[in-house]
């Protein structure tokens, strides 16, 4: 049985030059999503959210393999991040952050199967956060992205360049939440080698 890998079928979404910005078109994609707030390093809700996402995603993977005869690699964790005052985001005051954590599903997965996967995961795993999970389409469209290598807390300078230099110079403005895709696992990879796609949906500035 062939195994689909979304990082290969949508290669442009998971790659970018280090420290340089590219403009891409992001197709509408379906995700397991869960919302929360607080410091991701210490908020219990964040850990619970990530556990719930992986529980549902692996349940869906096995359902797809058994029912559709289509296997796939569970995609990496992603997150949308924002703050009521974006100065708190730039200053890394993480206790004031809001987030939506996500894991994408392959294009051939339809909502009924995803909903059944959530229900099955709730039944088997008994993780309270699973009841807050939803399956939703995200349409970002045009976006600017780059690849950051290193600790998450060193993203500040590249994000400052993006928002204060690149977007104005190219007649662009923000059109959605800051989006991160975690290509490395912080439990297994040292912070200096972590790879993170940084993405900002954009529109033409008024």
Protein backbone atom coordinates (compact mmCIF):
# COMPACT_ATOMS: atom_id res chain seq x y z
CA UNK A 1 0.00 0.00 0.00
CA UNK A 2 1.44 3.37 -1.01
CA UNK A 3 1.72 5.97 1.74
CA UNK A 4 0.80 9.57 0.91
CA UNK A 5 2.98 12.32 2.39
CA UNK A 6 1.41 15.78 2.21
CA UNK A 7 4.85 17.36 2.57
CA UNK A 8 5.59 15.90 -0.88
CA UNK A 9 2.19 16.33 -2.56
CA UNK A 10 2.09 19.98 -1.42
CA UNK A 11 5.83 20.53 -1.40
CA UNK A 12 5.66 24.33 -1.78
CA UNK A 13 3.76 24.63 1.51
CA UNK A 14 6.51 22.98 3.53
CA UNK A 15 9.61 24.62 2.15
CA UNK A 16 11.17 28.07 1.85
CA UNK A 17 14.65 29.61 1.84
CA UNK A 18 16.14 30.32 5.24
CA UNK A 19 15.72 33.96 6.21
CA UNK A 20 14.25 34.95 2.82
CA UNK A 21 10.63 35.54 1.91
CA UNK A 22 8.65 33.92 -0.88
CA UNK A 23 5.05 34.51 -1.94
CA UNK A 24 2.92 31.41 -2.43
CA UNK A 25 -0.71 30.48 -3.03
CA UNK A 26 -2.05 28.22 -0.31
CA UNK A 27 -4.98 26.00 -1.36
CA UNK A 28 -7.94 25.41 0.92
CA UNK A 29 -7.04 22.57 3.28
CA UNK A 30 -8.95 20.65 5.97
CA UNK A 31 -7.59 20.47 9.48
CA UNK A 32 -8.31 19.11 12.89
CA UNK A 33 -8.30 22.31 14.98
CA UNK A 34 -8.47 23.25 18.64
CA UNK A 35 -8.40 26.73 20.21
CA UNK A 36 -6.78 27.96 23.38
CA UNK A 37 -4.78 30.68 25.08
CA UNK A 38 -1.72 31.02 27.27
CA UNK A 39 1.98 30.25 27.28
CA UNK A 40 2.57 27.08 25.21
CA UNK A 41 5.51 26.22 27.46
CA UNK A 42 3.44 26.10 30.64
CA UNK A 43 -0.33 26.21 29.93
CA UNK A 44 -1.89 22.78 30.61
CA UNK A 45 -4.46 23.53 27.90
CA UNK A 46 -1.73 23.65 25.26
CA UNK A 47 -0.32 20.22 26.12
CA UNK A 48 -3.84 18.78 26.23
CA UNK A 49 -4.66 20.34 22.85
CA UNK A 50 -1.61 18.80 21.16
CA UNK A 51 -2.34 15.38 22.69
CA UNK A 52 -5.91 15.56 21.39
CA UNK A 53 -4.80 16.54 17.89
CA UNK A 54 -2.41 13.63 17.60
CA UNK A 55 -4.91 11.18 19.06
CA UNK A 56 -7.53 12.14 16.47
CA UNK A 57 -5.01 12.32 13.62
CA UNK A 58 -3.62 8.83 14.22
CA UNK A 59 -7.12 7.45 14.67
CA UNK A 60 -8.05 8.97 11.31
CA UNK A 61 -4.91 7.59 9.67
CA UNK A 62 -5.75 4.03 10.73
CA UNK A 63 -9.40 4.44 9.70
CA UNK A 64 -8.28 5.63 6.27
CA UNK A 65 -5.90 2.73 5.91
CA UNK A 66 -8.51 0.17 6.94
CA UNK A 67 -11.60 1.64 5.26
CA UNK A 68 -10.29 3.52 2.23
CA UNK A 69 -7.16 1.39 1.74
CA UNK A 70 -5.21 4.65 1.64
CA UNK A 71 -2.38 5.18 4.11
CA UNK A 72 -0.58 8.44 4.80
CA UNK A 73 2.07 10.05 6.97
CA UNK A 74 0.51 12.08 9.78
CA UNK A 75 1.49 15.67 8.92
CA UNK A 76 3.38 18.00 11.26
CA UNK A 77 1.82 20.13 13.96
CA UNK A 78 0.83 23.65 12.91
CA UNK A 79 -0.39 26.69 14.80
CA UNK A 80 -2.10 30.02 14.25
CA UNK A 81 -0.96 32.63 16.78
CA UNK A 82 -2.16 36.09 17.76
CA UNK A 83 -2.66 38.49 20.67
CA UNK A 84 -5.23 41.18 21.36
CA UNK A 85 -2.30 43.59 21.40
CA UNK A 86 0.19 42.36 18.82
CA UNK A 87 2.97 44.12 20.75
CA UNK A 88 2.56 41.31 23.29
CA UNK A 89 3.19 38.82 20.50
CA UNK A 90 6.32 40.56 19.26
CA UNK A 91 7.61 40.95 22.83
CA UNK A 92 7.05 37.22 23.48
CA UNK A 93 4.66 37.85 26.39
CA UNK A 94 3.33 34.36 25.88
CA UNK A 95 0.82 34.34 28.72
CA UNK A 96 -1.19 36.85 26.64
CA UNK A 97 -1.16 34.80 23.45
CA UNK A 98 -4.10 33.05 21.79
CA UNK A 99 -3.68 30.10 19.48
CA UNK A 100 -5.34 27.54 17.25
CA UNK A 101 -3.31 24.35 16.99
CA UNK A 102 -3.89 22.20 13.92
CA UNK A 103 -2.97 19.06 11.99
CA UNK A 104 -3.98 18.90 8.34
CA UNK A 105 -5.74 15.92 6.76
CA UNK A 106 -5.14 14.62 3.22
CA UNK A 107 -7.38 15.91 0.44
CA UNK A 108 -9.16 12.56 0.12
CA UNK A 109 -10.48 12.66 3.70
CA UNK A 110 -14.09 13.90 4.00
CA UNK A 111 -15.77 15.39 7.03
CA UNK A 112 -17.92 12.35 8.01
CA UNK A 113 -14.83 10.17 8.42
CA UNK A 114 -13.00 12.91 10.33
CA UNK A 115 -15.96 13.34 12.67
CA UNK A 116 -16.06 9.58 13.24
CA UNK A 117 -12.34 9.63 14.02
CA UNK A 118 -12.90 12.27 16.71
CA UNK A 119 -15.75 10.22 18.20
CA UNK A 120 -13.64 7.04 18.15
CA UNK A 121 -10.69 8.81 19.75
CA UNK A 122 -12.96 10.17 22.49
CA UNK A 123 -14.19 6.65 23.16
CA UNK A 124 -10.72 5.08 23.25
CA UNK A 125 -8.41 7.76 24.61
CA UNK A 126 -10.67 9.58 27.06
CA UNK A 127 -8.78 12.85 26.67
CA UNK A 128 -11.07 15.72 27.74
CA UNK A 129 -9.66 18.09 25.11
CA UNK A 130 -10.91 15.83 22.31
CA UNK A 131 -14.43 17.20 22.85
CA UNK A 132 -13.12 20.64 21.81
CA UNK A 133 -11.70 19.40 18.52
CA UNK A 134 -13.29 20.38 15.20
CA UNK A 135 -12.66 19.57 11.53
CA UNK A 136 -12.59 22.73 9.44
CA UNK A 137 -11.43 24.14 6.10
CA UNK A 138 -8.84 26.89 6.17
CA UNK A 139 -8.49 29.18 3.14
CA UNK A 140 -5.38 31.33 3.39
CA UNK A 141 -4.79 32.08 -0.29
CA UNK A 142 -1.83 34.32 -0.98
CA UNK A 143 0.80 34.20 1.74
CA UNK A 144 4.40 35.08 2.46
CA UNK A 145 6.60 32.49 4.12
CA UNK A 146 10.16 31.73 5.15
CA UNK A 147 12.06 28.99 6.92
CA UNK A 148 13.43 29.66 10.40
CA UNK A 149 16.10 27.39 11.85
CA UNK A 150 16.73 27.65 15.57
CA UNK A 151 14.83 28.20 18.81
CA UNK A 152 11.28 29.49 18.55
CA UNK A 153 12.16 32.50 20.69
CA UNK A 154 14.60 33.72 18.02
CA UNK A 155 11.84 34.26 15.46
CA UNK A 156 11.42 37.92 16.47
CA UNK A 157 13.96 39.56 14.10
CA UNK A 158 12.74 37.72 10.98
CA UNK A 159 9.10 38.50 11.82
CA UNK A 160 10.03 42.16 12.35
CA UNK A 161 11.62 42.24 8.88
CA UNK A 162 8.57 40.58 7.39
CA UNK A 163 6.02 42.98 8.84
CA UNK A 164 8.01 46.22 8.86
CA UNK A 165 10.09 45.87 5.69
CA UNK A 166 8.98 43.16 3.25
CA UNK A 167 5.22 43.66 3.37
CA UNK A 168 5.26 47.48 2.98
CA UNK A 169 7.94 47.30 0.28
CA UNK A 170 5.77 44.93 -1.75
CA UNK A 171 2.45 46.71 -1.23
CA UNK A 172 1.10 43.97 1.03
CA UNK A 173 -0.75 43.86 4.34
CA UNK A 174 -1.63 41.10 6.82
CA UNK A 175 -4.80 39.14 6.02
CA UNK A 176 -4.92 36.51 8.76
CA UNK A 177 -3.14 35.11 11.77
CA UNK A 178 0.56 34.34 11.98
CA UNK A 179 0.98 30.68 10.97
CA UNK A 180 3.75 28.32 12.01
CA UNK A 181 4.48 24.78 10.78
CA UNK A 182 6.76 22.72 13.00
CA UNK A 183 8.98 20.53 10.84
CA UNK A 184 11.06 19.45 13.84
CA UNK A 185 10.10 17.72 17.07
CA UNK A 186 11.40 19.71 20.08
CA UNK A 187 11.38 16.49 22.13
CA UNK A 188 13.94 14.89 19.79
CA UNK A 189 15.76 17.80 18.13
CA UNK A 190 18.02 20.33 19.83
CA UNK A 191 16.64 23.88 19.73
CA UNK A 192 19.42 25.14 17.43
CA UNK A 193 18.33 22.71 14.68
CA UNK A 194 14.55 23.11 14.88
CA UNK A 195 12.99 23.96 11.51
CA UNK A 196 9.83 26.08 11.44
CA UNK A 197 7.91 27.45 8.46
CA UNK A 198 6.74 30.98 9.27
CA UNK A 199 3.75 32.04 7.16
CA UNK A 200 1.69 35.22 6.94
CA UNK A 201 -1.45 35.36 4.79
CA UNK A 202 -1.54 38.68 2.92
CA UNK A 203 -3.67 40.97 0.78
CA UNK A 204 -2.90 43.98 -1.37
CA UNK A 205 -2.51 46.99 0.88
CA UNK A 206 -5.17 49.69 0.56
